[in-house]
Amino acid sequence: YIAWRGILDERDLPPTAHALLLERAAFTFPDNELVVSLPVPGADNDPRPGHRRYYFIWYRPASAEQQRELFTDASGRNHGLTIPPPLIRAEFIAAMKEAAREVLPQVMGEIVNRATQPLLQSITDLEAPRMVFGRVALLGDSAFVARPHVAAGTSKAALDAAGLVDALAAHDGDIDAALQQYERERLAFGRAIVSHARYLGAYNEVAHLKTGAGAAPRDPEQVLREYGAPHLVREVDFA
């Protein structure tokens, strides 16, 4: 599956979105798709009202053939698993925005349509079988890349670094023993977080839709709790 991403300045949000969405993270559930949207700081990390931005990521099923088309620019060059935003073909952006008007609630469809330069990527992950090679240790995304559902790339890298420091301190100069402890602990963590991210994204995948394994999205409240929401405020009728 793929993800479309976009971001708007707070001043460019539809008026309805200011009251309904600007202070919340929102989850929207079209069939076998998911939009996650939330406010983020503006330029220079400015969190003040009026200076913020609103971000969305829209997960959509896409077959391998469809992805080859999506990541091929107008000159015929294929860019692999992503594509520089200015090279996304205009017809694909237009089709995405038309789909937003058709399948998303009106306020979310407006937000997607106001994104001037959307980004597009294939959703992939990476799971390394080892993290230590002699005196070389892998940390962060060089060892495990989890899908965006868990929003853990930065914290995972920081925890890897802290784990390496703790292991070195615990073994009092025995670097080989420290690296063995580091690899053992961080491999288990990396595998767990990649596995959970795969689980969260499974019903977006084309393969699951073809087999019927994920044809019906899980209950939205269940999905929200799986994403880690400590409590649910309310379900909003966007219509």
Protein backbone atom coordinates (compact mmCIF):
# COMPACT_ATOMS: atom_id res chain seq x y z
CA TYR A 1 0.00 0.00 0.00
CA ILE A 2 0.98 3.64 -0.32
CA ALA A 3 0.72 6.85 1.64
CA TRP A 4 -0.12 10.32 0.44
CA ARG A 5 1.11 13.05 2.78
CA GLY A 6 0.33 16.73 2.87
CA ILE A 7 0.57 19.77 5.12
CA LEU A 8 -1.30 23.08 5.27
CA ASP A 9 -0.63 26.30 7.12
CA GLU A 10 -3.24 26.88 9.80
CA ARG A 11 -4.57 29.91 7.95
CA ASP A 12 -5.29 27.74 4.90
CA LEU A 13 -7.51 25.24 6.72
CA PRO A 14 -11.22 25.16 5.84
CA PRO A 15 -13.18 27.14 8.47
CA THR A 16 -14.96 23.99 9.70
CA ALA A 17 -11.63 22.32 10.40
CA HIS A 18 -10.51 25.04 12.84
CA ALA A 19 -13.19 24.21 15.38
CA LEU A 20 -13.42 20.49 14.68
CA LEU A 21 -9.86 19.32 14.13
CA LEU A 22 -7.17 21.84 14.98
CA GLU A 23 -6.79 20.78 18.61
CA ARG A 24 -7.08 17.04 17.93
CA ALA A 25 -5.50 14.10 16.22
CA ALA A 26 -8.17 12.70 13.89
CA PHE A 27 -8.54 9.22 12.43
CA THR A 28 -10.73 8.75 9.33
CA PHE A 29 -11.71 5.28 8.15
CA PRO A 30 -12.73 4.85 4.50
CA ASP A 31 -13.07 1.15 3.60
CA ASN A 32 -9.65 -0.50 3.89
CA GLU A 33 -8.00 2.92 4.07
CA LEU A 34 -6.95 5.23 6.86
CA VAL A 35 -6.27 8.95 7.20
CA VAL A 36 -4.41 10.19 10.26
CA SER A 37 -4.27 13.97 10.67
CA LEU A 38 -3.03 16.26 13.42
CA PRO A 39 -1.74 19.76 14.16
CA VAL A 40 2.03 20.28 14.12
CA PRO A 41 4.24 23.32 14.81
CA GLY A 42 4.69 25.84 12.06
CA ALA A 43 7.82 27.47 10.66
CA ASP A 44 10.78 27.51 13.08
CA ASN A 45 8.91 24.98 15.26
CA ASP A 46 6.34 27.64 16.21
CA PRO A 47 3.45 26.13 18.24
CA ARG A 48 1.42 29.33 18.70
CA PRO A 49 -2.21 29.40 17.53
CA GLY A 50 -2.36 31.02 14.13
CA HIS A 51 1.18 29.89 13.29
CA ARG A 52 0.71 26.12 13.29
CA ARG A 53 0.29 23.68 10.44
CA TYR A 54 -2.04 20.72 9.90
CA TYR A 55 -0.62 17.45 8.60
CA PHE A 56 -2.26 14.37 7.12
CA ILE A 57 -1.13 10.93 5.96
CA TRP A 58 -3.57 8.89 3.87
CA TYR A 59 -2.90 5.14 3.54
CA ARG A 60 -4.39 3.54 0.39
CA PRO A 61 -4.07 0.05 -1.13
CA ALA A 62 -2.05 -0.03 -4.36
CA SER A 63 -0.87 -3.07 -6.30
CA ALA A 64 2.73 -3.47 -7.46
CA GLU A 65 1.66 -2.49 -10.98
CA GLN A 66 -0.14 0.60 -9.71
CA GLN A 67 2.89 1.58 -7.66
CA ARG A 68 5.19 1.28 -10.67
CA GLU A 69 2.94 3.77 -12.46
CA LEU A 70 2.66 6.12 -9.50
CA PHE A 71 6.43 6.32 -9.03
CA THR A 72 7.18 6.87 -12.72
CA ASP A 73 7.53 10.50 -13.76
CA ALA A 74 6.36 12.13 -16.99
CA SER A 75 9.69 11.36 -18.70
CA GLY A 76 9.21 7.63 -18.10
CA ARG A 77 11.79 7.34 -15.33
CA ASN A 78 10.78 5.09 -12.42
CA HIS A 79 12.00 6.23 -8.99
CA GLY A 80 11.46 3.02 -7.04
CA LEU A 81 9.59 3.23 -3.73
CA THR A 82 9.07 6.97 -3.69
CA ILE A 83 9.33 9.94 -6.04
CA PRO A 84 10.47 13.57 -5.65
CA PRO A 85 7.25 15.50 -5.00
CA PRO A 86 7.58 17.89 -7.99
CA LEU A 87 7.87 14.86 -10.30
CA ILE A 88 4.58 13.24 -9.30
CA ARG A 89 2.47 13.27 -12.43
CA ALA A 90 -0.34 15.81 -12.36
CA GLU A 91 -2.96 13.24 -13.32
CA PHE A 92 -2.15 11.14 -10.25
CA ILE A 93 -2.48 14.13 -7.93
CA ALA A 94 -5.76 15.07 -9.61
CA ALA A 95 -7.07 11.50 -9.23
CA MET A 96 -6.06 11.40 -5.57
CA LYS A 97 -7.85 14.68 -4.86
CA GLU A 98 -10.95 13.52 -6.71
CA ALA A 99 -10.94 10.34 -4.61
CA ALA A 100 -10.66 12.49 -1.47
CA ARG A 101 -13.83 14.34 -2.46
CA GLU A 102 -15.61 11.04 -3.08
CA VAL A 103 -14.56 8.80 -0.16
CA LEU A 104 -13.53 11.14 2.67
CA PRO A 105 -15.76 13.27 4.89
CA GLN A 106 -16.21 16.72 3.39
CA VAL A 107 -13.93 18.57 5.81
CA MET A 108 -11.12 16.02 5.37
CA GLY A 109 -11.59 16.01 1.60
CA GLU A 110 -11.18 19.78 1.60
CA ILE A 111 -7.97 19.54 3.61
CA VAL A 112 -6.49 17.01 1.17
CA ASN A 113 -7.53 19.14 -1.81
CA ARG A 114 -5.88 22.24 -0.37
CA ALA A 115 -2.48 20.55 -0.07
CA THR A 116 -0.43 22.24 -2.78
CA GLN A 117 2.47 19.77 -2.96
CA PRO A 118 1.55 16.31 -1.68
CA LEU A 119 4.19 13.67 -1.04
CA LEU A 120 3.87 10.03 -2.09
CA GLN A 121 5.64 6.92 -0.84
CA SER A 122 5.32 3.17 -0.83
CA ILE A 123 4.93 1.76 2.68
CA THR A 124 7.78 -0.62 3.41
CA ASP A 125 9.79 -1.79 6.38
CA LEU A 126 13.21 -3.24 7.17
CA GLU A 127 14.20 -5.89 9.72
CA ALA A 128 17.91 -6.64 10.09
CA PRO A 129 18.86 -10.13 11.30
CA ARG A 130 21.86 -8.72 13.20
CA MET A 131 22.88 -5.39 14.71
CA VAL A 132 26.52 -6.07 15.62
CA PHE A 133 29.39 -6.96 13.29
CA GLY A 134 32.67 -7.07 15.20
CA ARG A 135 33.05 -3.58 16.64
CA VAL A 136 30.38 -2.10 14.33
CA ALA A 137 26.89 -1.62 15.77
CA LEU A 138 23.75 -0.64 13.86
CA LEU A 139 21.34 1.85 15.42
CA GLY A 140 18.05 3.41 14.40
CA ASP A 141 16.84 3.02 10.83
CA SER A 142 20.05 1.29 9.76
CA ALA A 143 18.77 -1.77 11.66
CA PHE A 144 14.95 -1.52 11.71
CA VAL A 145 12.60 0.66 9.74
CA ALA A 146 9.05 0.47 11.08
CA ARG A 147 6.03 1.60 9.11
CA PRO A 148 4.78 5.10 9.98
CA HIS A 149 1.81 3.76 11.97
CA VAL A 150 3.88 3.57 15.16
CA ALA A 151 5.48 7.03 14.77
CA ALA A 152 8.60 5.69 16.45
CA GLY A 153 11.58 6.36 14.19
CA THR A 154 13.16 9.09 16.31
CA SER A 155 12.41 7.55 19.70
CA LYS A 156 13.57 4.11 18.50
CA ALA A 157 16.93 5.55 17.42
CA ALA A 158 17.31 7.38 20.74
CA LEU A 159 16.49 4.21 22.68
CA ASP A 160 19.05 2.27 20.64
CA ALA A 161 21.71 4.85 21.50
CA ALA A 162 20.75 4.77 25.19
CA GLY A 163 20.78 0.97 25.15
CA LEU A 164 24.28 0.94 23.70
CA VAL A 165 25.52 3.37 26.35
CA ASP A 166 23.91 1.33 29.14
CA ALA A 167 25.42 -1.93 27.86
CA LEU A 168 28.90 -0.43 27.62
CA ALA A 169 28.61 0.96 31.13
CA ALA A 170 27.32 -2.34 32.55
CA HIS A 171 30.26 -4.40 31.24
CA ASP A 172 33.08 -2.18 32.49
CA GLY A 173 35.30 -2.16 29.41
CA ASP A 174 34.34 -5.56 27.98
CA ILE A 175 33.18 -4.19 24.66
CA ASP A 176 32.38 -7.56 23.08
CA ALA A 177 30.12 -8.56 25.97
CA ALA A 178 28.48 -5.14 25.91
CA LEU A 179 27.75 -5.39 22.20
CA GLN A 180 26.26 -8.86 22.65
CA GLN A 181 23.89 -7.51 25.31
CA TYR A 182 23.03 -4.51 23.14
CA GLU A 183 22.24 -6.68 20.11
CA ARG A 184 20.16 -9.13 22.13
CA GLU A 185 18.02 -6.42 23.73
CA ARG A 186 17.60 -4.14 20.75
CA LEU A 187 16.91 -6.94 18.26
CA ALA A 188 13.96 -8.02 20.40
CA PHE A 189 12.66 -4.46 20.58
CA GLY A 190 13.12 -3.79 16.85
CA ARG A 191 11.36 -6.99 15.86
CA ALA A 192 8.46 -6.22 18.17
CA ILE A 193 7.91 -2.70 16.88
CA VAL A 194 8.15 -3.72 13.21
CA SER A 195 5.71 -6.57 13.87
CA HIS A 196 3.20 -4.22 15.51
CA ALA A 197 3.48 -1.71 12.68
CA ARG A 198 2.81 -4.49 10.16
CA TYR A 199 -0.24 -5.53 12.14
CA LEU A 200 -1.62 -2.00 12.21
CA GLY A 201 -1.18 -1.59 8.47
CA ALA A 202 -2.37 -5.03 7.37
CA TYR A 203 -5.88 -4.10 6.32
CA ASN A 204 -4.53 -1.47 3.90
CA GLU A 205 -2.61 -4.06 1.90
CA VAL A 206 -3.76 -5.19 -1.54
CA ALA A 207 -2.72 -8.79 -0.83
CA HIS A 208 -5.10 -8.93 2.13
CA LEU A 209 -7.93 -7.46 0.09
CA LYS A 210 -7.46 -10.08 -2.64
CA THR A 211 -7.58 -12.97 -0.17
CA GLY A 212 -10.29 -11.47 1.98
CA ALA A 213 -7.98 -11.59 4.99
CA GLY A 214 -8.35 -7.90 5.70
CA ALA A 215 -11.36 -7.00 3.62
CA ALA A 216 -13.30 -5.50 6.52
CA PRO A 217 -11.45 -2.83 8.49
CA ARG A 218 -11.24 -3.41 12.21
CA ASP A 219 -13.58 -1.48 14.44
CA PRO A 220 -12.35 2.15 14.58
CA GLU A 221 -12.27 2.20 18.38
CA GLN A 222 -10.13 -0.94 18.36
CA VAL A 223 -7.75 0.64 15.85
CA LEU A 224 -7.45 3.79 17.96
CA ARG A 225 -6.59 1.77 21.05
CA GLU A 226 -4.05 -0.25 19.03
CA TYR A 227 -2.47 3.05 18.04
CA GLY A 228 -2.03 3.77 21.74
CA ALA A 229 -4.85 6.22 22.53
CA PRO A 230 -5.15 6.31 26.35
CA HIS A 231 -8.80 7.30 26.05
CA LEU A 232 -11.24 8.24 23.33
CA VAL A 233 -12.84 11.65 23.45
CA ARG A 234 -15.75 11.06 21.12
CA GLU A 235 -16.66 9.83 17.69
CA VAL A 236 -17.35 12.73 15.34
CA ASP A 237 -19.89 12.59 12.55
CA PHE A 238 -18.04 14.48 9.80
CA ALA A 239 -20.95 14.30 7.35
